[in-house]
């Protein structure tokens, strides 16, 4: 089971992306727990769940250095979601990016 956490400012638009990513994972027979949280909820969620990768929505990509610092030594890759994939709500491409990050950690 891969655990993919998406972080955005409020969690609204990203929830649509989560459902598209879940559909893509099901189509590829990938067991994945994919969920979105607001930036303010991210720390609490990291304490509750074993996250494999953290993806930042375009609205909060400026927080990447902050998250990298927080996650140092936890072996959790952090990256921003490709703005084009996000804008097109391309769950399949975002899922591929997340899986690549997990495989390379």
Protein backbone atom coordinates (compact mmCIF):
# COMPACT_ATOMS: atom_id res chain seq x y z
CA UNK A 1 0.00 0.00 0.00
CA UNK A 2 1.38 3.37 -1.09
CA UNK A 3 0.36 6.38 0.98
CA UNK A 4 0.29 9.62 -1.01
CA UNK A 5 -0.47 12.90 0.74
CA UNK A 6 -1.40 16.00 -1.26
CA UNK A 7 -1.12 19.35 0.47
CA UNK A 8 -2.94 22.46 -0.72
CA UNK A 9 -4.23 25.69 0.73
CA UNK A 10 -7.82 24.65 1.50
CA UNK A 11 -8.26 21.10 0.18
CA UNK A 12 -11.08 21.79 -2.26
CA UNK A 13 -9.65 21.55 -5.78
CA UNK A 14 -7.13 18.95 -4.68
CA UNK A 15 -9.91 16.60 -3.56
CA UNK A 16 -11.01 16.31 -7.19
CA UNK A 17 -7.44 15.42 -8.15
CA UNK A 18 -7.37 12.80 -5.37
CA UNK A 19 -10.43 11.04 -6.80
CA UNK A 20 -8.89 11.04 -10.28
CA UNK A 21 -5.63 9.64 -8.86
CA UNK A 22 -7.58 6.91 -7.02
CA UNK A 23 -9.34 5.92 -10.25
CA UNK A 24 -5.98 5.76 -12.05
CA UNK A 25 -4.51 3.62 -9.23
CA UNK A 26 -7.48 1.23 -9.36
CA UNK A 27 -7.15 0.92 -13.14
CA UNK A 28 -3.48 -0.07 -12.68
CA UNK A 29 -4.19 -2.39 -9.73
CA UNK A 30 -2.09 -0.24 -7.40
CA UNK A 31 -3.06 -0.32 -3.74
CA UNK A 32 -2.90 3.32 -2.71
CA UNK A 33 -4.17 5.52 0.09
CA UNK A 34 -4.38 8.95 -1.54
CA UNK A 35 -5.69 11.91 0.40
CA UNK A 36 -5.52 15.70 0.52
CA UNK A 37 -5.07 17.98 3.52
CA UNK A 38 -4.74 21.71 3.95
CA UNK A 39 -1.26 23.06 4.70
CA UNK A 40 -2.33 23.73 8.30
CA UNK A 41 -3.37 20.06 8.77
CA UNK A 42 -0.25 18.57 7.20
CA UNK A 43 1.88 18.32 10.37
CA UNK A 44 -0.86 16.55 12.32
CA UNK A 45 -1.44 14.09 9.51
CA UNK A 46 2.28 13.32 9.21
CA UNK A 47 2.22 12.37 12.89
CA UNK A 48 -0.79 10.07 12.38
CA UNK A 49 0.04 8.29 9.13
CA UNK A 50 3.08 6.68 7.56
CA UNK A 51 3.24 8.75 4.38
CA UNK A 52 5.33 7.51 1.43
CA UNK A 53 5.34 10.78 -0.53
CA UNK A 54 4.12 14.35 -0.03
CA UNK A 55 2.98 16.38 -3.03
CA UNK A 56 2.34 20.11 -2.84
CA UNK A 57 -0.38 21.79 -4.87
CA UNK A 58 0.70 24.78 -6.98
CA UNK A 59 -0.85 27.20 -4.45
CA UNK A 60 1.54 26.03 -1.69
CA UNK A 61 4.63 25.05 -3.68
CA UNK A 62 6.49 27.90 -1.96
CA UNK A 63 6.34 25.75 1.23
CA UNK A 64 8.55 23.03 -0.27
CA UNK A 65 11.74 24.10 1.62
CA UNK A 66 9.75 24.14 4.88
CA UNK A 67 8.46 20.60 4.33
CA UNK A 68 11.87 19.32 3.22
CA UNK A 69 13.32 20.62 6.46
CA UNK A 70 10.52 19.06 8.56
CA UNK A 71 10.82 15.70 6.81
CA UNK A 72 14.61 15.49 6.94
CA UNK A 73 15.62 12.04 8.11
CA UNK A 74 12.06 10.66 7.64
CA UNK A 75 12.73 9.38 4.12
CA UNK A 76 9.60 11.05 2.72
CA UNK A 77 10.15 12.71 -0.67
CA UNK A 78 8.50 16.11 -1.21
CA UNK A 79 7.74 17.69 -4.55
CA UNK A 80 5.35 20.14 -6.18
CA UNK A 81 2.62 18.83 -8.45
CA UNK A 82 3.31 19.71 -12.08
CA UNK A 83 1.17 22.79 -12.74
CA UNK A 84 -0.01 21.52 -16.12
CA UNK A 85 -1.11 18.16 -14.66
CA UNK A 86 -2.83 19.97 -11.79
CA UNK A 87 -4.62 22.40 -14.10
CA UNK A 88 -5.86 19.54 -16.27
CA UNK A 89 -6.68 17.43 -13.18
CA UNK A 90 -4.61 14.63 -14.74
CA UNK A 91 -4.73 12.09 -11.91
CA UNK A 92 -2.86 9.47 -13.90
CA UNK A 93 0.19 11.70 -14.51
CA UNK A 94 0.27 12.96 -10.91
CA UNK A 95 0.05 9.34 -9.69
CA UNK A 96 2.98 8.41 -11.97
CA UNK A 97 5.04 11.29 -10.53
CA UNK A 98 4.23 10.18 -6.97
CA UNK A 99 5.17 6.56 -7.67
CA UNK A 100 8.46 7.65 -9.26
CA UNK A 101 9.32 9.65 -6.15
CA UNK A 102 8.51 6.65 -3.92
CA UNK A 103 10.62 4.30 -6.06
CA UNK A 104 13.59 6.68 -6.02
CA UNK A 105 13.70 7.31 -2.28
